[in-house]
């Protein structure tokens, strides 16, 4: 930590999303509505799973954790984006920048593992239904969720320990509206080629490998279902299409941002907004509107809340 304290750079300059006042007000409205939707939608899923006994199964426990992660991932950047819209001098302190990077990668790592676990859960439920309750019991589900969070922390720490001690003494323009490893590493006053490769391998190649692994896994599930019963194929396709949509929306921006770490600024903004704003607000919609059990549980929860208000 002595190197951190000795660094000349104490803050980083962030990039603005809009210059004109009209665009700033428009983005303020859009991001505020989206962030409100992220908070309400994901918390509603979490509370529905907690308070409805019918949803105390591995699939919905994993979904609740995914909602928590989406809320956390969005909260690392969106409030800052909103607060910086009308500020000409957009700066973030060194330590706040490091904290933002750390939590972005913790949440991203946890979500990556959760999506793998959810794919395994669907494989077990669809391809091995008679053994599902034995394989995906409550103890196994709890251990897998804990493992997801532990791996997420390890994923972040394995990169963070190298970046926190880098000497920063030159330019401090991040070139983006949030802090992240690829952008910040470029500002270090030393040769960072090896470290950039570590980040690309840790975040980029792992994202790409996980993405193709999940897509192949879902294709394998559909092929297996078709071989056993063509009548169940449409049901399985309907169930898995939600998972595939979430996988594509999460991993596509990650692959562009880390495998191709320095696209144009417009592309960087687009992919980051998809990852931090669009995906977290769409996940609750995708999983609730396409799931009968979730819709029924939400109606029951809404009815209980309404009846309690009437009684009071």
C-alpha atoms as a PDB file:
ATOM      1  CA  UNK A   1       0.000   0.000   0.000  1.00  0.00           C
ATOM      2  CA  UNK A   2       3.015   2.320   0.304  1.00  0.00           C
ATOM      3  CA  UNK A   3       3.149   2.526  -3.492  1.00  0.00           C
ATOM      4  CA  UNK A   4      -0.471   3.623  -3.576  1.00  0.00           C
ATOM      5  CA  UNK A   5       0.185   6.403  -1.093  1.00  0.00           C
ATOM      6  CA  UNK A   6       3.253   7.473  -3.051  1.00  0.00           C
ATOM      7  CA  UNK A   7       1.386   7.713  -6.332  1.00  0.00           C
ATOM      8  CA  UNK A   8       1.090  11.192  -7.792  1.00  0.00           C
ATOM      9  CA  UNK A   9      -2.377  10.546  -9.192  1.00  0.00           C
ATOM     10  CA  UNK A  10      -5.080  10.937  -6.530  1.00  0.00           C
ATOM     11  CA  UNK A  11      -8.094  11.062  -8.866  1.00  0.00           C
ATOM     12  CA  UNK A  12      -9.181  10.025 -12.336  1.00  0.00           C
ATOM     13  CA  UNK A  13     -11.188  11.980 -14.908  1.00  0.00           C
ATOM     14  CA  UNK A  14     -14.292  10.244 -16.249  1.00  0.00           C
ATOM     15  CA  UNK A  15     -15.949  10.665 -19.625  1.00  0.00           C
ATOM     16  CA  UNK A  16     -19.307  12.386 -19.961  1.00  0.00           C
ATOM     17  CA  UNK A  17     -22.188  10.739 -21.772  1.00  0.00           C
ATOM     18  CA  UNK A  18     -23.733  13.903 -23.202  1.00  0.00           C
ATOM     19  CA  UNK A  19     -22.788  17.503 -23.905  1.00  0.00           C
ATOM     20  CA  UNK A  20     -26.095  19.211 -24.725  1.00  0.00           C
ATOM     21  CA  UNK A  21     -28.523  20.091 -21.938  1.00  0.00           C
ATOM     22  CA  UNK A  22     -31.440  18.433 -23.752  1.00  0.00           C
ATOM     23  CA  UNK A  23     -29.562  15.114 -24.008  1.00  0.00           C
ATOM     24  CA  UNK A  24     -28.536  15.351 -20.368  1.00  0.00           C
ATOM     25  CA  UNK A  25     -32.159  15.713 -19.246  1.00  0.00           C
ATOM     26  CA  UNK A  26     -33.185  12.866 -21.561  1.00  0.00           C
ATOM     27  CA  UNK A  27     -30.493  10.557 -20.153  1.00  0.00           C
ATOM     28  CA  UNK A  28     -31.405  11.598 -16.614  1.00  0.00           C
ATOM     29  CA  UNK A  29     -34.998  10.492 -17.229  1.00  0.00           C
ATOM     30  CA  UNK A  30     -33.995   7.258 -18.984  1.00  0.00           C
ATOM     31  CA  UNK A  31     -31.350   6.149 -16.457  1.00  0.00           C
ATOM     32  CA  UNK A  32     -33.533   7.105 -13.482  1.00  0.00           C
ATOM     33  CA  UNK A  33     -36.470   5.076 -14.811  1.00  0.00           C
ATOM     34  CA  UNK A  34     -34.237   2.126 -15.682  1.00  0.00           C
ATOM     35  CA  UNK A  35     -32.506   2.169 -12.299  1.00  0.00           C
ATOM     36  CA  UNK A  36     -35.853   2.360 -10.509  1.00  0.00           C
ATOM     37  CA  UNK A  37     -36.975  -0.624 -12.606  1.00  0.00           C
ATOM     38  CA  UNK A  38     -33.786  -2.484 -11.706  1.00  0.00           C
ATOM     39  CA  UNK A  39     -34.307  -1.899  -7.988  1.00  0.00           C
ATOM     40  CA  UNK A  40     -38.030  -2.706  -7.910  1.00  0.00           C
ATOM     41  CA  UNK A  41     -37.920  -5.611 -10.362  1.00  0.00           C
ATOM     42  CA  UNK A  42     -34.978  -7.445  -8.839  1.00  0.00           C
ATOM     43  CA  UNK A  43     -35.993  -6.846  -5.215  1.00  0.00           C
ATOM     44  CA  UNK A  44     -39.524  -8.019  -6.040  1.00  0.00           C
ATOM     45  CA  UNK A  45     -38.078 -11.297  -7.319  1.00  0.00           C
ATOM     46  CA  UNK A  46     -35.902 -11.696  -4.218  1.00  0.00           C
ATOM     47  CA  UNK A  47     -38.779 -11.042  -1.791  1.00  0.00           C
ATOM     48  CA  UNK A  48     -41.165 -13.230  -3.782  1.00  0.00           C
ATOM     49  CA  UNK A  49     -38.749 -16.175  -3.601  1.00  0.00           C
ATOM     50  CA  UNK A  50     -38.103 -15.582   0.117  1.00  0.00           C
ATOM     51  CA  UNK A  51     -41.734 -15.279   1.214  1.00  0.00           C
ATOM     52  CA  UNK A  52     -43.386 -17.795  -1.114  1.00  0.00           C
ATOM     53  CA  UNK A  53     -42.818 -21.367   0.050  1.00  0.00           C
ATOM     54  CA  UNK A  54     -43.731 -22.701  -3.405  1.00  0.00           C
ATOM     55  CA  UNK A  55     -40.540 -21.135  -4.784  1.00  0.00           C
ATOM     56  CA  UNK A  56     -38.098 -22.636  -2.290  1.00  0.00           C
ATOM     57  CA  UNK A  57     -36.497 -24.772  -4.976  1.00  0.00           C
ATOM     58  CA  UNK A  58     -32.984 -24.571  -6.514  1.00  0.00           C
ATOM     59  CA  UNK A  59     -34.123 -22.868  -9.721  1.00  0.00           C
ATOM     60  CA  UNK A  60     -35.732 -19.952  -7.890  1.00  0.00           C
ATOM     61  CA  UNK A  61     -33.044 -19.680  -5.208  1.00  0.00           C
ATOM     62  CA  UNK A  62     -30.512 -19.276  -8.020  1.00  0.00           C
ATOM     63  CA  UNK A  63     -32.794 -16.750  -9.706  1.00  0.00           C
ATOM     64  CA  UNK A  64     -33.029 -14.706  -6.486  1.00  0.00           C
ATOM     65  CA  UNK A  65     -29.239 -14.645  -6.220  1.00  0.00           C
ATOM     66  CA  UNK A  66     -28.989 -13.587  -9.871  1.00  0.00           C
ATOM     67  CA  UNK A  67     -31.366 -10.712  -9.123  1.00  0.00           C
ATOM     68  CA  UNK A  68     -29.216  -9.621  -6.171  1.00  0.00           C
ATOM     69  CA  UNK A  69     -26.121  -9.696  -8.367  1.00  0.00           C
ATOM     70  CA  UNK A  70     -27.838  -7.709 -11.129  1.00  0.00           C
ATOM     71  CA  UNK A  71     -28.879  -5.085  -8.582  1.00  0.00           C
ATOM     72  CA  UNK A  72     -25.347  -4.938  -7.164  1.00  0.00           C
ATOM     73  CA  UNK A  73     -23.685  -4.762 -10.587  1.00  0.00           C
ATOM     74  CA  UNK A  74     -25.945  -1.935 -11.705  1.00  0.00           C
ATOM     75  CA  UNK A  75     -25.438  -0.052  -8.427  1.00  0.00           C
ATOM     76  CA  UNK A  76     -21.673   0.072  -8.972  1.00  0.00           C
ATOM     77  CA  UNK A  77     -22.075   2.440 -11.926  1.00  0.00           C
ATOM     78  CA  UNK A  78     -25.592   3.766 -12.586  1.00  0.00           C
ATOM     79  CA  UNK A  79     -25.899   6.127  -9.558  1.00  0.00           C
ATOM     80  CA  UNK A  80     -22.522   7.600 -10.509  1.00  0.00           C
ATOM     81  CA  UNK A  81     -23.602   8.001 -14.141  1.00  0.00           C
ATOM     82  CA  UNK A  82     -26.735   9.875 -13.051  1.00  0.00           C
ATOM     83  CA  UNK A  83     -24.870  12.156 -10.635  1.00  0.00           C
ATOM     84  CA  UNK A  84     -22.227  13.010 -13.270  1.00  0.00           C
ATOM     85  CA  UNK A  85     -24.681  13.978 -16.019  1.00  0.00           C
ATOM     86  CA  UNK A  86     -24.803  17.679 -15.065  1.00  0.00           C
ATOM     87  CA  UNK A  87     -21.227  17.963 -13.810  1.00  0.00           C
ATOM     88  CA  UNK A  88     -18.536  19.523 -15.970  1.00  0.00           C
ATOM     89  CA  UNK A  89     -15.693  18.276 -13.791  1.00  0.00           C
ATOM     90  CA  UNK A  90     -16.259  14.520 -13.656  1.00  0.00           C
ATOM     91  CA  UNK A  91     -13.642  13.045 -11.368  1.00  0.00           C
ATOM     92  CA  UNK A  92     -13.441   9.984  -9.147  1.00  0.00           C
ATOM     93  CA  UNK A  93     -10.885   9.519  -6.388  1.00  0.00           C
ATOM     94  CA  UNK A  94      -8.242   6.827  -6.727  1.00  0.00           C
ATOM     95  CA  UNK A  95      -9.691   4.766  -3.894  1.00  0.00           C
ATOM     96  CA  UNK A  96     -13.287   5.087  -5.119  1.00  0.00           C
ATOM     97  CA  UNK A  97     -12.110   4.049  -8.575  1.00  0.00           C
ATOM     98  CA  UNK A  98     -10.452   0.946  -7.115  1.00  0.00           C
ATOM     99  CA  UNK A  99     -13.573   0.130  -5.076  1.00  0.00           C
ATOM    100  CA  UNK A 100     -15.751   0.446  -8.184  1.00  0.00           C
ATOM    101  CA  UNK A 101     -13.464  -1.865 -10.170  1.00  0.00           C
ATOM    102  CA  UNK A 102     -13.383  -4.419  -7.364  1.00  0.00           C
ATOM    103  CA  UNK A 103     -17.159  -4.682  -6.990  1.00  0.00           C
ATOM    104  CA  UNK A 104     -17.767  -4.686 -10.752  1.00  0.00           C
ATOM    105  CA  UNK A 105     -15.599  -7.789 -11.049  1.00  0.00           C
ATOM    106  CA  UNK A 106     -16.956  -9.459  -7.900  1.00  0.00           C
ATOM    107  CA  UNK A 107     -20.512  -9.121  -9.207  1.00  0.00           C
ATOM    108  CA  UNK A 108     -19.497 -10.051 -12.751  1.00  0.00           C
ATOM    109  CA  UNK A 109     -17.643 -13.148 -11.542  1.00  0.00           C
ATOM    110  CA  UNK A 110     -20.563 -14.258  -9.363  1.00  0.00           C
ATOM    111  CA  UNK A 111     -23.038 -13.803 -12.232  1.00  0.00           C
ATOM    112  CA  UNK A 112     -20.817 -15.820 -14.561  1.00  0.00           C
ATOM    113  CA  UNK A 113     -20.758 -18.766 -12.148  1.00  0.00           C
ATOM    114  CA  UNK A 114     -24.474 -18.464 -11.366  1.00  0.00           C
ATOM    115  CA  UNK A 115     -25.335 -18.712 -15.061  1.00  0.00           C
ATOM    116  CA  UNK A 116     -23.254 -21.905 -15.270  1.00  0.00           C
ATOM    117  CA  UNK A 117     -25.006 -23.330 -12.205  1.00  0.00           C
ATOM    118  CA  UNK A 118     -28.415 -22.395 -13.637  1.00  0.00           C
ATOM    119  CA  UNK A 119     -27.527 -24.209 -16.858  1.00  0.00           C
ATOM    120  CA  UNK A 120     -26.566 -27.296 -14.836  1.00  0.00           C
ATOM    121  CA  UNK A 121     -29.821 -27.001 -12.881  1.00  0.00           C
ATOM    122  CA  UNK A 122     -31.861 -26.948 -16.116  1.00  0.00           C
ATOM    123  CA  UNK A 123     -29.842 -29.863 -17.547  1.00  0.00           C
ATOM    124  CA  UNK A 124     -30.584 -31.939 -14.442  1.00  0.00           C
ATOM    125  CA  UNK A 125     -34.278 -30.984 -14.382  1.00  0.00           C
ATOM    126  CA  UNK A 126     -34.851 -31.656 -18.100  1.00  0.00           C
ATOM    127  CA  UNK A 127     -32.485 -34.533 -18.870  1.00  0.00           C
ATOM    128  CA  UNK A 128     -32.471 -36.329 -15.498  1.00  0.00           C
ATOM    129  CA  UNK A 129     -35.835 -35.472 -13.918  1.00  0.00           C
ATOM    130  CA  UNK A 130     -36.034 -38.618 -11.770  1.00  0.00           C
ATOM    131  CA  UNK A 131     -32.722 -37.756 -10.098  1.00  0.00           C
ATOM    132  CA  UNK A 132     -33.260 -33.991  -9.914  1.00  0.00           C
ATOM    133  CA  UNK A 133     -34.238 -33.776  -6.234  1.00  0.00           C
ATOM    134  CA  UNK A 134     -31.328 -36.027  -5.291  1.00  0.00           C
ATOM    135  CA  UNK A 135     -28.721 -34.119  -7.305  1.00  0.00           C
ATOM    136  CA  UNK A 136     -29.964 -30.560  -6.793  1.00  0.00           C
ATOM    137  CA  UNK A 137     -31.001 -30.803  -3.148  1.00  0.00           C
ATOM    138  CA  UNK A 138     -31.018 -27.784  -0.824  1.00  0.00           C
ATOM    139  CA  UNK A 139     -27.519 -28.541   0.520  1.00  0.00           C
ATOM    140  CA  UNK A 140     -26.016 -28.778  -2.982  1.00  0.00           C
ATOM    141  CA  UNK A 141     -27.775 -25.600  -4.068  1.00  0.00           C
ATOM    142  CA  UNK A 142     -26.482 -23.708  -1.022  1.00  0.00           C
ATOM    143  CA  UNK A 143     -22.927 -24.919  -1.620  1.00  0.00           C
ATOM    144  CA  UNK A 144     -23.093 -23.908  -5.294  1.00  0.00           C
ATOM    145  CA  UNK A 145     -24.349 -20.420  -4.390  1.00  0.00           C
ATOM    146  CA  UNK A 146     -21.568 -19.998  -1.806  1.00  0.00           C
ATOM    147  CA  UNK A 147     -19.035 -21.240  -4.371  1.00  0.00           C
ATOM    148  CA  UNK A 148     -20.314 -18.660  -6.874  1.00  0.00           C
ATOM    149  CA  UNK A 149     -19.703 -15.803  -4.437  1.00  0.00           C
ATOM    150  CA  UNK A 150     -16.285 -17.142  -3.409  1.00  0.00           C
ATOM    151  CA  UNK A 151     -15.195 -17.529  -7.047  1.00  0.00           C
ATOM    152  CA  UNK A 152     -16.462 -14.016  -7.786  1.00  0.00           C
ATOM    153  CA  UNK A 153     -14.282 -12.586  -5.029  1.00  0.00           C
ATOM    154  CA  UNK A 154     -11.268 -14.630  -6.172  1.00  0.00           C
ATOM    155  CA  UNK A 155     -11.824 -13.462  -9.763  1.00  0.00           C
ATOM    156  CA  UNK A 156     -11.739  -9.814  -8.641  1.00  0.00           C
ATOM    157  CA  UNK A 157      -8.861 -10.167  -6.176  1.00  0.00           C
ATOM    158  CA  UNK A 158      -6.655 -12.059  -8.672  1.00  0.00           C
ATOM    159  CA  UNK A 159      -6.582  -8.920 -10.838  1.00  0.00           C
ATOM    160  CA  UNK A 160      -7.036  -6.267  -8.178  1.00  0.00           C
ATOM    161  CA  UNK A 161      -3.839  -7.123  -6.267  1.00  0.00           C
ATOM    162  CA  UNK A 162      -1.767  -6.226  -9.339  1.00  0.00           C
ATOM    163  CA  UNK A 163      -3.563  -2.979 -10.173  1.00  0.00           C
ATOM    164  CA  UNK A 164      -3.779  -1.489  -6.670  1.00  0.00           C
ATOM    165  CA  UNK A 165       0.020  -1.169  -6.462  1.00  0.00           C
ATOM    166  CA  UNK A 166       0.655   0.238  -9.938  1.00  0.00           C
ATOM    167  CA  UNK A 167       2.388   3.644 -10.054  1.00  0.00           C
ATOM    168  CA  UNK A 168       0.151   6.341 -11.552  1.00  0.00           C
ATOM    169  CA  UNK A 169       2.009   9.537 -12.296  1.00  0.00           C
ATOM    170  CA  UNK A 170       0.978  10.648 -15.781  1.00  0.00           C
ATOM    171  CA  UNK A 171      -2.348  11.282 -17.539  1.00  0.00           C
ATOM    172  CA  UNK A 172      -5.467  10.495 -15.508  1.00  0.00           C
ATOM    173  CA  UNK A 173      -8.195  10.502 -18.198  1.00  0.00           C
ATOM    174  CA  UNK A 174      -9.872   7.087 -17.997  1.00  0.00           C
ATOM    175  CA  UNK A 175     -11.616   7.581 -21.346  1.00  0.00           C
ATOM    176  CA  UNK A 176     -14.871   6.049 -20.083  1.00  0.00           C
ATOM    177  CA  UNK A 177     -17.713   6.940 -17.715  1.00  0.00           C
ATOM    178  CA  UNK A 178     -16.636   4.303 -15.189  1.00  0.00           C
ATOM    179  CA  UNK A 179     -13.425   2.720 -13.930  1.00  0.00           C
ATOM    180  CA  UNK A 180     -12.339  -0.709 -15.114  1.00  0.00           C
ATOM    181  CA  UNK A 181      -9.110  -2.668 -15.349  1.00  0.00           C
ATOM    182  CA  UNK A 182      -8.266  -2.220 -19.058  1.00  0.00           C
ATOM    183  CA  UNK A 183      -8.709   1.563 -18.985  1.00  0.00           C
ATOM    184  CA  UNK A 184      -6.928   2.203 -15.689  1.00  0.00           C
ATOM    185  CA  UNK A 185      -3.978  -0.088 -16.440  1.00  0.00           C
ATOM    186  CA  UNK A 186      -3.185   1.961 -19.547  1.00  0.00           C
ATOM    187  CA  UNK A 187      -2.554   5.006 -17.318  1.00  0.00           C
ATOM    188  CA  UNK A 188       0.178   3.354 -15.242  1.00  0.00           C
ATOM    189  CA  UNK A 189       3.724   4.736 -15.502  1.00  0.00           C
ATOM    190  CA  UNK A 190       5.290   1.406 -16.472  1.00  0.00           C
ATOM    191  CA  UNK A 191       5.145  -1.335 -19.074  1.00  0.00           C
ATOM    192  CA  UNK A 192       1.813  -3.090 -18.472  1.00  0.00           C
ATOM    193  CA  UNK A 193       1.798  -5.522 -21.408  1.00  0.00           C
ATOM    194  CA  UNK A 194       1.900  -8.627 -19.196  1.00  0.00           C
ATOM    195  CA  UNK A 195      -0.721  -7.247 -16.842  1.00  0.00           C
ATOM    196  CA  UNK A 196      -3.010  -6.391 -19.758  1.00  0.00           C
ATOM    197  CA  UNK A 197      -2.670  -9.982 -20.935  1.00  0.00           C
ATOM    198  CA  UNK A 198      -3.613 -11.229 -17.436  1.00  0.00           C
ATOM    199  CA  UNK A 199      -6.736  -9.052 -17.446  1.00  0.00           C
ATOM    200  CA  UNK A 200      -7.656 -10.129 -20.985  1.00  0.00           C
ATOM    201  CA  UNK A 201      -7.190 -13.787 -20.058  1.00  0.00           C
ATOM    202  CA  UNK A 202      -8.959 -13.504 -16.701  1.00  0.00           C
ATOM    203  CA  UNK A 203     -11.963 -11.499 -17.865  1.00  0.00           C
ATOM    204  CA  UNK A 204     -12.012 -11.769 -21.653  1.00  0.00           C
ATOM    205  CA  UNK A 205     -11.029 -15.319 -22.526  1.00  0.00           C
ATOM    206  CA  UNK A 206     -12.890 -16.759 -19.536  1.00  0.00           C
ATOM    207  CA  UNK A 207     -16.017 -14.837 -20.593  1.00  0.00           C
ATOM    208  CA  UNK A 208     -15.695 -16.107 -24.157  1.00  0.00           C
ATOM    209  CA  UNK A 209     -15.032 -19.687 -23.067  1.00  0.00           C
ATOM    210  CA  UNK A 210     -17.925 -19.663 -20.603  1.00  0.00           C
ATOM    211  CA  UNK A 211     -20.275 -18.175 -23.204  1.00  0.00           C
ATOM    212  CA  UNK A 212     -19.574 -20.869 -25.804  1.00  0.00           C
ATOM    213  CA  UNK A 213     -19.686 -23.576 -23.114  1.00  0.00           C
ATOM    214  CA  UNK A 214     -23.152 -22.433 -22.025  1.00  0.00           C
ATOM    215  CA  UNK A 215     -24.496 -22.158 -25.577  1.00  0.00           C
ATOM    216  CA  UNK A 216     -23.188 -25.647 -26.402  1.00  0.00           C
ATOM    217  CA  UNK A 217     -24.693 -26.947 -23.146  1.00  0.00           C
ATOM    218  CA  UNK A 218     -28.139 -25.590 -24.009  1.00  0.00           C
ATOM    219  CA  UNK A 219     -27.913 -27.015 -27.522  1.00  0.00           C
ATOM    220  CA  UNK A 220     -26.963 -30.384 -26.001  1.00  0.00           C
ATOM    221  CA  UNK A 221     -29.999 -30.226 -23.690  1.00  0.00           C
ATOM    222  CA  UNK A 222     -32.331 -29.498 -26.623  1.00  0.00           C
ATOM    223  CA  UNK A 223     -30.833 -32.317 -28.712  1.00  0.00           C
ATOM    224  CA  UNK A 224     -31.190 -34.727 -25.789  1.00  0.00           C
ATOM    225  CA  UNK A 225     -34.827 -33.741 -25.265  1.00  0.00           C
ATOM    226  CA  UNK A 226     -35.566 -34.161 -28.975  1.00  0.00           C
ATOM    227  CA  UNK A 227     -34.099 -37.667 -28.998  1.00  0.00           C
ATOM    228  CA  UNK A 228     -36.255 -38.756 -26.079  1.00  0.00           C
ATOM    229  CA  UNK A 229     -39.506 -36.954 -26.823  1.00  0.00           C
ATOM    230  CA  UNK A 230     -40.186 -34.505 -29.620  1.00  0.00           C
ATOM    231  CA  UNK A 231     -43.370 -33.376 -27.843  1.00  0.00           C
ATOM    232  CA  UNK A 232     -41.312 -32.019 -24.927  1.00  0.00           C
ATOM    233  CA  UNK A 233     -39.005 -30.075 -27.248  1.00  0.00           C
ATOM    234  CA  UNK A 234     -41.252 -27.014 -27.485  1.00  0.00           C
ATOM    235  CA  UNK A 235     -41.621 -26.857 -23.695  1.00  0.00           C
ATOM    236  CA  UNK A 236     -37.861 -27.171 -23.184  1.00  0.00           C
ATOM    237  CA  UNK A 237     -37.190 -24.579 -25.896  1.00  0.00           C
ATOM    238  CA  UNK A 238     -39.573 -22.160 -24.201  1.00  0.00           C
ATOM    239  CA  UNK A 239     -37.849 -22.651 -20.832  1.00  0.00           C
ATOM    240  CA  UNK A 240     -34.288 -22.455 -22.156  1.00  0.00           C
ATOM    241  CA  UNK A 241     -34.879 -19.482 -24.448  1.00  0.00           C
ATOM    242  CA  UNK A 242     -35.058 -17.216 -21.386  1.00  0.00           C
ATOM    243  CA  UNK A 243     -31.737 -18.557 -20.110  1.00  0.00           C
ATOM    244  CA  UNK A 244     -30.084 -18.243 -23.528  1.00  0.00           C
ATOM    245  CA  UNK A 245     -31.298 -14.640 -23.871  1.00  0.00           C
ATOM    246  CA  UNK A 246     -29.783 -13.714 -20.499  1.00  0.00           C
ATOM    247  CA  UNK A 247     -26.504 -15.475 -21.348  1.00  0.00           C
ATOM    248  CA  UNK A 248     -26.155 -13.624 -24.650  1.00  0.00           C
ATOM    249  CA  UNK A 249     -27.002 -10.237 -23.114  1.00  0.00           C
ATOM    250  CA  UNK A 250     -24.490 -10.697 -20.282  1.00  0.00           C
ATOM    251  CA  UNK A 251     -21.553 -12.223 -22.140  1.00  0.00           C
ATOM    252  CA  UNK A 252     -21.666 -10.368 -25.469  1.00  0.00           C
ATOM    253  CA  UNK A 253     -20.677  -6.985 -23.940  1.00  0.00           C
ATOM    254  CA  UNK A 254     -18.079  -8.669 -21.710  1.00  0.00           C
ATOM    255  CA  UNK A 255     -16.363 -10.284 -24.675  1.00  0.00           C
ATOM    256  CA  UNK A 256     -16.198  -7.006 -26.589  1.00  0.00           C
ATOM    257  CA  UNK A 257     -14.999  -5.012 -23.577  1.00  0.00           C
ATOM    258  CA  UNK A 258     -12.267  -7.440 -22.484  1.00  0.00           C
ATOM    259  CA  UNK A 259     -11.253  -9.524 -25.499  1.00  0.00           C
ATOM    260  CA  UNK A 260     -11.338  -6.405 -27.677  1.00  0.00           C
ATOM    261  CA  UNK A 261     -10.588  -4.059 -24.755  1.00  0.00           C
ATOM    262  CA  UNK A 262     -10.347  -0.739 -26.599  1.00  0.00           C
ATOM    263  CA  UNK A 263     -13.150  -0.307 -29.118  1.00  0.00           C
ATOM    264  CA  UNK A 264     -14.281   3.146 -30.135  1.00  0.00           C
ATOM    265  CA  UNK A 265     -15.740   5.285 -27.366  1.00  0.00           C
ATOM    266  CA  UNK A 266     -19.249   5.015 -28.813  1.00  0.00           C
ATOM    267  CA  UNK A 267     -19.047   1.191 -28.757  1.00  0.00           C
ATOM    268  CA  UNK A 268     -17.542   1.259 -25.271  1.00  0.00           C
ATOM    269  CA  UNK A 269     -20.470   3.356 -24.035  1.00  0.00           C
ATOM    270  CA  UNK A 270     -23.007   1.117 -25.779  1.00  0.00           C
ATOM    271  CA  UNK A 271     -21.687  -2.195 -24.433  1.00  0.00           C
ATOM    272  CA  UNK A 272     -21.210  -0.806 -20.915  1.00  0.00           C
ATOM    273  CA  UNK A 273     -24.767   0.562 -20.831  1.00  0.00           C
ATOM    274  CA  UNK A 274     -26.107  -2.814 -22.014  1.00  0.00           C
ATOM    275  CA  UNK A 275     -24.176  -4.591 -19.243  1.00  0.00           C
ATOM    276  CA  UNK A 276     -24.939  -2.188 -16.381  1.00  0.00           C
ATOM    277  CA  UNK A 277     -28.378  -0.822 -17.306  1.00  0.00           C
ATOM    278  CA  UNK A 278     -30.252  -2.846 -19.924  1.00  0.00           C
ATOM    279  CA  UNK A 279     -29.486  -6.433 -18.846  1.00  0.00           C
ATOM    280  CA  UNK A 280     -30.259  -5.929 -15.109  1.00  0.00           C
ATOM    281  CA  UNK A 281     -33.653  -4.389 -15.904  1.00  0.00           C
ATOM    282  CA  UNK A 282     -34.575  -7.005 -18.527  1.00  0.00           C
ATOM    283  CA  UNK A 283     -33.651 -10.079 -16.475  1.00  0.00           C
ATOM    284  CA  UNK A 284     -36.669  -9.752 -14.129  1.00  0.00           C
ATOM    285  CA  UNK A 285     -38.936  -9.237 -17.147  1.00  0.00           C
ATOM    286  CA  UNK A 286     -37.503 -12.244 -18.985  1.00  0.00           C
ATOM    287  CA  UNK A 287     -37.751 -14.599 -16.003  1.00  0.00           C
ATOM    288  CA  UNK A 288     -41.150 -13.465 -14.707  1.00  0.00           C
ATOM    289  CA  UNK A 289     -43.196 -12.963 -17.867  1.00  0.00           C
ATOM    290  CA  UNK A 290     -42.100 -16.353 -19.205  1.00  0.00           C
ATOM    291  CA  UNK A 291     -42.557 -18.271 -15.943  1.00  0.00           C
ATOM    292  CA  UNK A 292     -46.003 -19.298 -14.709  1.00  0.00           C
ATOM    293  CA  UNK A 293     -44.836 -20.135 -11.177  1.00  0.00           C
ATOM    294  CA  UNK A 294     -43.239 -16.706 -10.736  1.00  0.00           C
ATOM    295  CA  UNK A 295     -46.334 -14.921 -12.024  1.00  0.00           C
ATOM    296  CA  UNK A 296     -48.592 -16.889  -9.681  1.00  0.00           C
ATOM    297  CA  UNK A 297     -46.266 -16.271  -6.736  1.00  0.00           C
ATOM    298  CA  UNK A 298     -46.164 -12.545  -7.463  1.00  0.00           C
ATOM    299  CA  UNK A 299     -49.957 -12.438  -7.571  1.00  0.00           C
ATOM    300  CA  UNK A 300     -50.110 -14.230  -4.216  1.00  0.00           C
ATOM    301  CA  UNK A 301     -47.556 -11.832  -2.719  1.00  0.00           C
ATOM    302  CA  UNK A 302     -49.381  -8.804  -4.128  1.00  0.00           C
ATOM    303  CA  UNK A 303     -52.660 -10.158  -2.737  1.00  0.00           C
ATOM    304  CA  UNK A 304     -51.130 -10.655   0.711  1.00  0.00           C
ATOM    305  CA  UNK A 305     -49.737  -7.099   0.708  1.00  0.00           C
ATOM    306  CA  UNK A 306     -53.085  -5.683  -0.420  1.00  0.00           C
ATOM    307  CA  UNK A 307     -55.041  -7.636   2.212  1.00  0.00           C
ATOM    308  CA  UNK A 308     -52.652  -6.547   4.977  1.00  0.00           C
ATOM    309  CA  UNK A 309     -53.195  -2.911   3.979  1.00  0.00           C
ATOM    310  CA  UNK A 310     -56.957  -3.354   4.106  1.00  0.00           C
ATOM    311  CA  UNK A 311     -56.744  -4.876   7.582  1.00  0.00           C
ATOM    312  CA  UNK A 312     -54.656  -1.973   8.833  1.00  0.00           C
END
